[in-house]
Amino acid sequence: MNLRKDALAILQATSRTFLIPISRLPEGLQEAVASGYLCMRAIDEVEDHPDLDNATKAQLLRNMSLGLQGFPHDCSVEHWAKGMESAVNLLPEVSLRLADWAKLAPPEIAPRIWDATAGMADRMAHWAEQDWAVHTETDLDRYTFSVAGAVGLLLSDLWGWYDGTQTNRSEALGFGRGLQAVNILRNHKEDLQRGADFYPDGWSDAQMQEYARRNLILADAYTNALNPGPAKEFCKLPLVLAHGTLDALRKGHDKLSRTQVILLVQQALQAAAI
């Protein structure tokens, strides 16, 4: 089995935003970032699944967390899905292959990825049990930390492990939160249809856009402080797409066109070289 090849194939099927930056990373760092992305995508598919009830989601997520904490002995789907086979049959390949993605990263950094994913799965389980009840901006901060801000912190650890790059952790948190806030805006209608609303009580699109902009300012500072190289290129791509999506939403469009995406990717690659 060629895990690297499988990982890139799953990335191509699941993420337009992250396929390009991950595929351009150097050997070693590419496997580490792909492992982190796919492990977190595996649990995210459980959180967002339209045909699973919240109690089932919470149990699956906690089982996956425990599996990662007991890696490699308890991380196979046969272990974390035991007794929940009917629910697991609904999950996509990226979730079922959690154990594969967990062992994709170089062994000297892999435990940090397991730790980050296990913690995120436990936090997602909490939010599932709370029916994603976001009533205040503080609730929103907690949720965006749970599912995205922690990703920024993990990325900082991966950059430091790979070549000693040092980053501002508060800005790293804003990087994750900013990208997630744009996703909340983009997916708001679909989320409402499945019974989830991540807007604080009384908030309009304009207020959520302002929240996203505040965090994207931190994300810009985080990315601009990076030296030219793989970390900066990786961060520039999703950040430029987030800004472009926010602008499109503000103008009343549902998403970026394919032509706009291609143009923004070219601009991001040029900016990352500076």
C-alpha atoms as a PDB file:
ATOM      1  CA  MET A   1       0.000   0.000   0.000  1.00  0.00           C
ATOM      2  CA  ASN A   2       1.328   3.434  -0.964  1.00  0.00           C
ATOM      3  CA  LEU A   3      -0.108   5.666   1.767  1.00  0.00           C
ATOM      4  CA  ARG A   4       1.273   8.873   0.302  1.00  0.00           C
ATOM      5  CA  LYS A   5      -0.385   8.157  -3.051  1.00  0.00           C
ATOM      6  CA  ASP A   6      -3.654   7.213  -1.339  1.00  0.00           C
ATOM      7  CA  ALA A   7      -3.535  10.349   0.797  1.00  0.00           C
ATOM      8  CA  LEU A   8      -3.157  12.638  -2.222  1.00  0.00           C
ATOM      9  CA  ALA A   9      -6.007  10.801  -3.978  1.00  0.00           C
ATOM     10  CA  ILE A  10      -8.318  11.289  -0.992  1.00  0.00           C
ATOM     11  CA  LEU A  11      -7.238  14.927  -0.766  1.00  0.00           C
ATOM     12  CA  GLN A  12      -8.168  15.429  -4.403  1.00  0.00           C
ATOM     13  CA  ALA A  13     -11.621  13.993  -3.702  1.00  0.00           C
ATOM     14  CA  THR A  14     -12.266  15.966  -0.519  1.00  0.00           C
ATOM     15  CA  SER A  15     -10.567  19.372  -0.619  1.00  0.00           C
ATOM     16  CA  ARG A  16     -10.165  21.894  -3.386  1.00  0.00           C
ATOM     17  CA  THR A  17      -8.603  24.335  -0.926  1.00  0.00           C
ATOM     18  CA  PHE A  18      -5.856  22.168   0.551  1.00  0.00           C
ATOM     19  CA  LEU A  19      -4.916  19.754  -2.243  1.00  0.00           C
ATOM     20  CA  ILE A  20      -2.632  22.238  -4.009  1.00  0.00           C
ATOM     21  CA  PRO A  21      -0.706  23.556  -0.985  1.00  0.00           C
ATOM     22  CA  ILE A  22      -0.206  20.076   0.488  1.00  0.00           C
ATOM     23  CA  SER A  23       0.889  18.578  -2.836  1.00  0.00           C
ATOM     24  CA  ARG A  24       3.582  21.283  -3.140  1.00  0.00           C
ATOM     25  CA  LEU A  25       5.157  20.653   0.276  1.00  0.00           C
ATOM     26  CA  PRO A  26       8.580  18.964   0.470  1.00  0.00           C
ATOM     27  CA  GLU A  27       8.972  15.332   1.460  1.00  0.00           C
ATOM     28  CA  GLY A  28       8.503  14.741   5.160  1.00  0.00           C
ATOM     29  CA  LEU A  29       6.555  17.923   5.754  1.00  0.00           C
ATOM     30  CA  GLN A  30       4.057  16.860   3.103  1.00  0.00           C
ATOM     31  CA  GLU A  31       3.346  13.579   4.881  1.00  0.00           C
ATOM     32  CA  ALA A  32       3.032  15.334   8.243  1.00  0.00           C
ATOM     33  CA  VAL A  33       0.592  17.992   7.015  1.00  0.00           C
ATOM     34  CA  ALA A  34      -1.389  15.478   4.957  1.00  0.00           C
ATOM     35  CA  SER A  35      -1.637  13.217   8.007  1.00  0.00           C
ATOM     36  CA  GLY A  36      -2.945  16.074  10.136  1.00  0.00           C
ATOM     37  CA  TYR A  37      -5.414  17.221   7.501  1.00  0.00           C
ATOM     38  CA  LEU A  38      -6.806  13.753   6.792  1.00  0.00           C
ATOM     39  CA  CYS A  39      -7.039  12.734  10.468  1.00  0.00           C
ATOM     40  CA  MET A  40      -9.019  15.900  11.150  1.00  0.00           C
ATOM     41  CA  ARG A  41     -11.109  15.458   8.014  1.00  0.00           C
ATOM     42  CA  ALA A  42     -11.899  11.934   9.219  1.00  0.00           C
ATOM     43  CA  ILE A  43     -13.473  13.238  12.425  1.00  0.00           C
ATOM     44  CA  ASP A  44     -15.018  16.257  10.689  1.00  0.00           C
ATOM     45  CA  GLU A  45     -17.012  13.926   8.428  1.00  0.00           C
ATOM     46  CA  VAL A  46     -18.521  12.390  11.552  1.00  0.00           C
ATOM     47  CA  GLU A  47     -19.393  15.784  13.035  1.00  0.00           C
ATOM     48  CA  ASP A  48     -21.085  16.953   9.840  1.00  0.00           C
ATOM     49  CA  HIS A  49     -22.803  13.705   8.817  1.00  0.00           C
ATOM     50  CA  PRO A  50     -26.464  14.399   7.984  1.00  0.00           C
ATOM     51  CA  ASP A  51     -27.730  10.886   8.819  1.00  0.00           C
ATOM     52  CA  LEU A  52     -26.220  10.393  12.275  1.00  0.00           C
ATOM     53  CA  ASP A  53     -27.901  11.616  15.452  1.00  0.00           C
ATOM     54  CA  ASN A  54     -25.912  13.691  17.903  1.00  0.00           C
ATOM     55  CA  ALA A  55     -25.512  10.961  20.515  1.00  0.00           C
ATOM     56  CA  THR A  56     -24.083   8.597  17.902  1.00  0.00           C
ATOM     57  CA  LYS A  57     -21.736  11.293  16.627  1.00  0.00           C
ATOM     58  CA  ALA A  58     -20.487  11.982  20.141  1.00  0.00           C
ATOM     59  CA  GLN A  59     -19.830   8.301  20.831  1.00  0.00           C
ATOM     60  CA  LEU A  60     -18.045   7.757  17.515  1.00  0.00           C
ATOM     61  CA  LEU A  61     -15.897  10.842  18.027  1.00  0.00           C
ATOM     62  CA  ARG A  62     -14.898   9.778  21.542  1.00  0.00           C
ATOM     63  CA  ASN A  63     -14.089   6.278  20.269  1.00  0.00           C
ATOM     64  CA  MET A  64     -11.898   7.770  17.535  1.00  0.00           C
ATOM     65  CA  SER A  65     -10.172   9.959  20.115  1.00  0.00           C
ATOM     66  CA  LEU A  66      -9.461   6.952  22.317  1.00  0.00           C
ATOM     67  CA  GLY A  67      -8.223   5.042  19.300  1.00  0.00           C
ATOM     68  CA  LEU A  68      -5.679   7.746  18.533  1.00  0.00           C
ATOM     69  CA  GLN A  69      -4.635   7.870  22.181  1.00  0.00           C
ATOM     70  CA  GLY A  70      -4.010   4.111  22.022  1.00  0.00           C
ATOM     71  CA  PHE A  71      -2.343   4.139  18.606  1.00  0.00           C
ATOM     72  CA  PRO A  72      -1.559   1.783  16.981  1.00  0.00           C
ATOM     73  CA  HIS A  73      -3.429  -0.879  18.963  1.00  0.00           C
ATOM     74  CA  ASP A  74      -6.888   0.717  19.147  1.00  0.00           C
ATOM     75  CA  CYS A  75      -7.008   2.945  16.077  1.00  0.00           C
ATOM     76  CA  SER A  76      -8.242   0.509  13.442  1.00  0.00           C
ATOM     77  CA  VAL A  77     -11.859   0.842  12.420  1.00  0.00           C
ATOM     78  CA  GLU A  78     -12.530  -2.592  13.942  1.00  0.00           C
ATOM     79  CA  HIS A  79     -11.645  -1.147  17.354  1.00  0.00           C
ATOM     80  CA  TRP A  80     -13.196   2.320  17.413  1.00  0.00           C
ATOM     81  CA  ALA A  81     -16.327   1.208  15.530  1.00  0.00           C
ATOM     82  CA  LYS A  82     -17.015  -1.894  17.602  1.00  0.00           C
ATOM     83  CA  GLY A  83     -20.708  -2.129  18.426  1.00  0.00           C
ATOM     84  CA  MET A  84     -21.559   0.797  16.124  1.00  0.00           C
ATOM     85  CA  GLU A  85     -21.303  -0.963  12.772  1.00  0.00           C
ATOM     86  CA  SER A  86     -24.608   0.348  11.414  1.00  0.00           C
ATOM     87  CA  ALA A  87     -23.465   3.941  11.937  1.00  0.00           C
ATOM     88  CA  VAL A  88     -19.967   3.300  10.631  1.00  0.00           C
ATOM     89  CA  ASN A  89     -21.392   1.901   7.392  1.00  0.00           C
ATOM     90  CA  LEU A  90     -22.582   5.442   6.625  1.00  0.00           C
ATOM     91  CA  LEU A  91     -19.121   6.994   6.906  1.00  0.00           C
ATOM     92  CA  PRO A  92     -16.875   7.860   3.938  1.00  0.00           C
ATOM     93  CA  GLU A  93     -13.482   6.300   3.232  1.00  0.00           C
ATOM     94  CA  VAL A  94     -11.558   9.185   4.752  1.00  0.00           C
ATOM     95  CA  SER A  95     -13.124   8.415   8.161  1.00  0.00           C
ATOM     96  CA  LEU A  96     -12.817   4.644   7.927  1.00  0.00           C
ATOM     97  CA  ARG A  97      -9.098   4.941   7.202  1.00  0.00           C
ATOM     98  CA  LEU A  98      -8.232   7.033  10.260  1.00  0.00           C
ATOM     99  CA  ALA A  99      -5.526   4.560  11.272  1.00  0.00           C
ATOM    100  CA  ASP A 100      -3.843   4.873   7.872  1.00  0.00           C
ATOM    101  CA  TRP A 101      -3.700   8.661   8.072  1.00  0.00           C
ATOM    102  CA  ALA A 102      -2.394   8.452  11.650  1.00  0.00           C
ATOM    103  CA  LYS A 103       0.634   6.443  10.532  1.00  0.00           C
ATOM    104  CA  LEU A 104       1.321   8.573   7.439  1.00  0.00           C
ATOM    105  CA  ALA A 105       3.351  11.216   9.306  1.00  0.00           C
ATOM    106  CA  PRO A 106       7.048  10.776  10.124  1.00  0.00           C
ATOM    107  CA  PRO A 107       7.274   8.976  13.488  1.00  0.00           C
ATOM    108  CA  GLU A 108       9.123  11.794  15.267  1.00  0.00           C
ATOM    109  CA  ILE A 109       6.151  14.191  14.837  1.00  0.00           C
ATOM    110  CA  ALA A 110       3.214  11.789  14.443  1.00  0.00           C
ATOM    111  CA  PRO A 111       2.269  11.746  18.175  1.00  0.00           C
ATOM    112  CA  ARG A 112       1.690  15.523  18.076  1.00  0.00           C
ATOM    113  CA  ILE A 113      -0.815  14.975  15.251  1.00  0.00           C
ATOM    114  CA  TRP A 114      -2.548  12.164  17.146  1.00  0.00           C
ATOM    115  CA  ASP A 115      -2.777  14.395  20.217  1.00  0.00           C
ATOM    116  CA  ALA A 116      -4.230  17.323  18.284  1.00  0.00           C
ATOM    117  CA  THR A 117      -6.798  15.155  16.501  1.00  0.00           C
ATOM    118  CA  ALA A 118      -7.792  13.273  19.651  1.00  0.00           C
ATOM    119  CA  GLY A 119      -8.359  16.559  21.481  1.00  0.00           C
ATOM    120  CA  MET A 120     -10.386  17.945  18.611  1.00  0.00           C
ATOM    121  CA  ALA A 121     -12.539  14.802  18.457  1.00  0.00           C
ATOM    122  CA  ASP A 122     -13.337  15.111  22.169  1.00  0.00           C
ATOM    123  CA  ARG A 123     -14.279  18.766  21.724  1.00  0.00           C
ATOM    124  CA  MET A 124     -16.448  17.932  18.722  1.00  0.00           C
ATOM    125  CA  ALA A 125     -18.201  15.287  20.818  1.00  0.00           C
ATOM    126  CA  HIS A 126     -18.981  17.969  23.417  1.00  0.00           C
ATOM    127  CA  TRP A 127     -20.460  20.253  20.756  1.00  0.00           C
ATOM    128  CA  ALA A 128     -22.538  17.409  19.303  1.00  0.00           C
ATOM    129  CA  GLU A 129     -24.013  16.739  22.744  1.00  0.00           C
ATOM    130  CA  GLN A 130     -24.745  20.464  23.091  1.00  0.00           C
ATOM    131  CA  ASP A 131     -26.429  20.441  19.659  1.00  0.00           C
ATOM    132  CA  TRP A 132     -23.880  23.059  18.539  1.00  0.00           C
ATOM    133  CA  ALA A 133     -25.568  25.679  20.698  1.00  0.00           C
ATOM    134  CA  VAL A 134     -23.799  28.938  19.841  1.00  0.00           C
ATOM    135  CA  HIS A 135     -25.596  31.811  21.582  1.00  0.00           C
ATOM    136  CA  THR A 136     -22.854  34.365  22.245  1.00  0.00           C
ATOM    137  CA  GLU A 137     -19.602  35.502  20.684  1.00  0.00           C
ATOM    138  CA  THR A 138     -17.809  33.670  23.479  1.00  0.00           C
ATOM    139  CA  ASP A 139     -19.549  30.476  22.374  1.00  0.00           C
ATOM    140  CA  LEU A 140     -18.427  31.185  18.819  1.00  0.00           C
ATOM    141  CA  ASP A 141     -14.840  31.696  19.974  1.00  0.00           C
ATOM    142  CA  ARG A 142     -14.987  28.375  21.814  1.00  0.00           C
ATOM    143  CA  TYR A 143     -16.384  26.556  18.804  1.00  0.00           C
ATOM    144  CA  THR A 144     -13.947  28.042  16.306  1.00  0.00           C
ATOM    145  CA  PHE A 145     -11.080  27.213  18.662  1.00  0.00           C
ATOM    146  CA  SER A 146     -12.360  23.665  19.004  1.00  0.00           C
ATOM    147  CA  VAL A 147     -12.503  22.872  15.310  1.00  0.00           C
ATOM    148  CA  ALA A 148     -10.070  25.287  13.650  1.00  0.00           C
ATOM    149  CA  GLY A 149      -7.987  27.471  15.941  1.00  0.00           C
ATOM    150  CA  ALA A 150      -6.275  24.348  17.210  1.00  0.00           C
ATOM    151  CA  VAL A 151      -5.341  23.561  13.606  1.00  0.00           C
ATOM    152  CA  GLY A 152      -3.351  26.783  13.439  1.00  0.00           C
ATOM    153  CA  LEU A 153      -1.513  25.790  16.607  1.00  0.00           C
ATOM    154  CA  LEU A 154      -0.709  22.356  15.166  1.00  0.00           C
ATOM    155  CA  LEU A 155       0.617  23.921  11.969  1.00  0.00           C
ATOM    156  CA  SER A 156       2.958  26.085  14.029  1.00  0.00           C
ATOM    157  CA  ASP A 157       4.293  22.941  15.677  1.00  0.00           C
ATOM    158  CA  LEU A 158       4.802  21.295  12.283  1.00  0.00           C
ATOM    159  CA  TRP A 159       6.722  24.296  10.903  1.00  0.00           C
ATOM    160  CA  GLY A 160       8.908  24.345  14.006  1.00  0.00           C
ATOM    161  CA  TRP A 161       9.573  20.616  13.775  1.00  0.00           C
ATOM    162  CA  TYR A 162      10.461  20.751  10.085  1.00  0.00           C
ATOM    163  CA  ASP A 163      12.930  23.629   9.944  1.00  0.00           C
ATOM    164  CA  GLY A 164      12.830  25.524  13.224  1.00  0.00           C
ATOM    165  CA  THR A 165      10.340  28.187  12.031  1.00  0.00           C
ATOM    166  CA  GLN A 166       9.001  30.197  14.979  1.00  0.00           C
ATOM    167  CA  THR A 167       5.524  31.731  14.892  1.00  0.00           C
ATOM    168  CA  ASN A 168       3.152  33.854  16.949  1.00  0.00           C
ATOM    169  CA  ARG A 169       0.667  31.454  18.534  1.00  0.00           C
ATOM    170  CA  SER A 170      -2.079  34.056  18.983  1.00  0.00           C
ATOM    171  CA  GLU A 171      -1.864  34.818  15.282  1.00  0.00           C
ATOM    172  CA  ALA A 172      -1.874  31.084  14.533  1.00  0.00           C
ATOM    173  CA  LEU A 173      -5.138  30.832  16.441  1.00  0.00           C
ATOM    174  CA  GLY A 174      -6.553  33.678  14.348  1.00  0.00           C
ATOM    175  CA  PHE A 175      -5.439  31.900  11.180  1.00  0.00           C
ATOM    176  CA  GLY A 176      -7.573  28.873  12.025  1.00  0.00           C
ATOM    177  CA  ARG A 177     -10.489  30.905  13.326  1.00  0.00           C
ATOM    178  CA  GLY A 178     -10.522  33.191  10.297  1.00  0.00           C
ATOM    179  CA  LEU A 179     -10.694  30.330   7.820  1.00  0.00           C
ATOM    180  CA  GLN A 180     -13.425  28.654   9.861  1.00  0.00           C
ATOM    181  CA  ALA A 181     -15.478  31.845  10.094  1.00  0.00           C
ATOM    182  CA  VAL A 182     -15.448  32.129   6.306  1.00  0.00           C
ATOM    183  CA  ASN A 183     -16.590  28.497   6.084  1.00  0.00           C
ATOM    184  CA  ILE A 184     -19.432  29.243   8.511  1.00  0.00           C
ATOM    185  CA  LEU A 185     -20.538  32.136   6.316  1.00  0.00           C
ATOM    186  CA  ARG A 186     -20.275  30.108   3.113  1.00  0.00           C
ATOM    187  CA  ASN A 187     -22.157  27.106   4.529  1.00  0.00           C
ATOM    188  CA  HIS A 188     -24.739  28.980   6.605  1.00  0.00           C
ATOM    189  CA  LYS A 189     -27.776  27.994   4.532  1.00  0.00           C
ATOM    190  CA  GLU A 190     -26.762  24.326   4.377  1.00  0.00           C
ATOM    191  CA  ASP A 191     -26.034  24.288   8.118  1.00  0.00           C
ATOM    192  CA  LEU A 192     -29.482  25.687   8.874  1.00  0.00           C
ATOM    193  CA  GLN A 193     -31.075  22.980   6.753  1.00  0.00           C
ATOM    194  CA  ARG A 194     -29.408  20.294   8.889  1.00  0.00           C
ATOM    195  CA  GLY A 195     -30.391  22.074  12.097  1.00  0.00           C
ATOM    196  CA  ALA A 196     -27.086  23.723  12.981  1.00  0.00           C
ATOM    197  CA  ASP A 197     -26.593  27.472  13.400  1.00  0.00           C
ATOM    198  CA  PHE A 198     -23.142  28.783  14.307  1.00  0.00           C
ATOM    199  CA  TYR A 199     -24.213  32.443  14.357  1.00  0.00           C
ATOM    200  CA  PRO A 200     -24.565  33.939  17.850  1.00  0.00           C
ATOM    201  CA  ASP A 201     -28.109  34.952  18.726  1.00  0.00           C
ATOM    202  CA  GLY A 202     -29.234  37.975  16.720  1.00  0.00           C
ATOM    203  CA  TRP A 203     -26.185  38.054  14.457  1.00  0.00           C
ATOM    204  CA  SER A 204     -26.525  38.906  10.787  1.00  0.00           C
ATOM    205  CA  ASP A 205     -24.203  38.015   7.934  1.00  0.00           C
ATOM    206  CA  ALA A 206     -22.579  41.428   8.368  1.00  0.00           C
ATOM    207  CA  GLN A 207     -21.614  40.688  11.976  1.00  0.00           C
ATOM    208  CA  MET A 208     -20.207  37.284  11.064  1.00  0.00           C
ATOM    209  CA  GLN A 209     -18.256  38.905   8.226  1.00  0.00           C
ATOM    210  CA  GLU A 210     -16.773  41.374  10.699  1.00  0.00           C
ATOM    211  CA  TYR A 211     -15.803  38.489  12.994  1.00  0.00           C
ATOM    212  CA  ALA A 212     -14.122  36.769  10.052  1.00  0.00           C
ATOM    213  CA  ARG A 213     -12.286  39.962   9.044  1.00  0.00           C
ATOM    214  CA  ARG A 214     -10.921  40.496  12.562  1.00  0.00           C
ATOM    215  CA  ASN A 215      -9.479  37.018  12.610  1.00  0.00           C
ATOM    216  CA  LEU A 216      -8.180  37.232   9.048  1.00  0.00           C
ATOM    217  CA  ILE A 217      -6.145  40.284  10.128  1.00  0.00           C
ATOM    218  CA  LEU A 218      -4.375  37.958  12.573  1.00  0.00           C
ATOM    219  CA  ALA A 219      -4.099  35.327   9.846  1.00  0.00           C
ATOM    220  CA  ASP A 220      -2.456  37.854   7.515  1.00  0.00           C
ATOM    221  CA  ALA A 221       0.036  38.829  10.212  1.00  0.00           C
ATOM    222  CA  TYR A 222       0.803  35.163  10.893  1.00  0.00           C
ATOM    223  CA  THR A 223       1.412  34.362   7.227  1.00  0.00           C
ATOM    224  CA  ASN A 224       3.308  37.551   6.359  1.00  0.00           C
ATOM    225  CA  ALA A 225       5.756  36.943   9.200  1.00  0.00           C
ATOM    226  CA  LEU A 226       6.798  33.588   7.729  1.00  0.00           C
ATOM    227  CA  ASN A 227       9.973  33.456   5.660  1.00  0.00           C
ATOM    228  CA  PRO A 228       9.583  32.544   1.964  1.00  0.00           C
ATOM    229  CA  GLY A 229       9.335  28.774   1.790  1.00  0.00           C
ATOM    230  CA  PRO A 230       6.949  25.860   2.208  1.00  0.00           C
ATOM    231  CA  ALA A 231       5.147  27.124   5.320  1.00  0.00           C
ATOM    232  CA  LYS A 232       4.410  30.536   3.826  1.00  0.00           C
ATOM    233  CA  GLU A 233       3.265  29.053   0.526  1.00  0.00           C
ATOM    234  CA  PHE A 234       1.005  26.607   2.338  1.00  0.00           C
ATOM    235  CA  CYS A 235      -0.645  29.340   4.416  1.00  0.00           C
ATOM    236  CA  LYS A 236      -0.955  31.856   1.587  1.00  0.00           C
ATOM    237  CA  LEU A 237      -3.151  29.649  -0.594  1.00  0.00           C
ATOM    238  CA  PRO A 238      -6.094  29.015   1.764  1.00  0.00           C
ATOM    239  CA  LEU A 239      -5.771  32.548   3.164  1.00  0.00           C
ATOM    240  CA  VAL A 240      -6.059  34.209  -0.242  1.00  0.00           C
ATOM    241  CA  LEU A 241      -9.038  31.975  -1.065  1.00  0.00           C
ATOM    242  CA  ALA A 242     -10.654  32.896   2.270  1.00  0.00           C
ATOM    243  CA  HIS A 243     -10.296  36.614   1.534  1.00  0.00           C
ATOM    244  CA  GLY A 244     -11.660  36.072  -1.980  1.00  0.00           C
ATOM    245  CA  THR A 245     -14.614  34.071  -0.687  1.00  0.00           C
ATOM    246  CA  LEU A 246     -15.393  36.723   1.930  1.00  0.00           C
ATOM    247  CA  ASP A 247     -15.379  39.416  -0.754  1.00  0.00           C
ATOM    248  CA  ALA A 248     -17.628  37.309  -2.993  1.00  0.00           C
ATOM    249  CA  LEU A 249     -20.106  36.664  -0.177  1.00  0.00           C
ATOM    250  CA  ARG A 250     -20.197  40.354   0.674  1.00  0.00           C
ATOM    251  CA  LYS A 251     -21.134  41.053  -2.954  1.00  0.00           C
ATOM    252  CA  GLY A 252     -23.970  38.531  -2.814  1.00  0.00           C
ATOM    253  CA  HIS A 253     -22.302  35.590  -4.570  1.00  0.00           C
ATOM    254  CA  ASP A 254     -22.514  32.092  -3.110  1.00  0.00           C
ATOM    255  CA  LYS A 255     -18.893  31.171  -3.861  1.00  0.00           C
ATOM    256  CA  LEU A 256     -15.882  31.898  -6.037  1.00  0.00           C
ATOM    257  CA  SER A 257     -15.951  30.873  -9.673  1.00  0.00           C
ATOM    258  CA  ARG A 258     -13.387  28.379 -10.943  1.00  0.00           C
ATOM    259  CA  THR A 259     -11.683  31.183 -12.907  1.00  0.00           C
ATOM    260  CA  GLN A 260     -11.449  33.322  -9.774  1.00  0.00           C
ATOM    261  CA  VAL A 261      -9.969  30.416  -7.823  1.00  0.00           C
ATOM    262  CA  ILE A 262      -7.279  29.831 -10.447  1.00  0.00           C
ATOM    263  CA  LEU A 263      -6.373  33.527 -10.505  1.00  0.00           C
ATOM    264  CA  LEU A 264      -6.205  33.748  -6.707  1.00  0.00           C
ATOM    265  CA  VAL A 265      -4.020  30.644  -6.492  1.00  0.00           C
ATOM    266  CA  GLN A 266      -1.575  32.196  -8.977  1.00  0.00           C
ATOM    267  CA  GLN A 267      -1.510  35.419  -6.950  1.00  0.00           C
ATOM    268  CA  ALA A 268      -0.950  33.485  -3.710  1.00  0.00           C
ATOM    269  CA  LEU A 269       1.999  31.548  -5.135  1.00  0.00           C
ATOM    270  CA  GLN A 270       3.607  34.749  -6.356  1.00  0.00           C
ATOM    271  CA  ALA A 271       3.077  36.453  -2.975  1.00  0.00           C
ATOM    272  CA  ALA A 272       4.518  33.477  -1.075  1.00  0.00           C
ATOM    273  CA  ALA A 273       7.814  33.867  -2.913  1.00  0.00           C
ATOM    274  CA  ILE A 274       8.323  37.384  -1.504  1.00  0.00           C
END
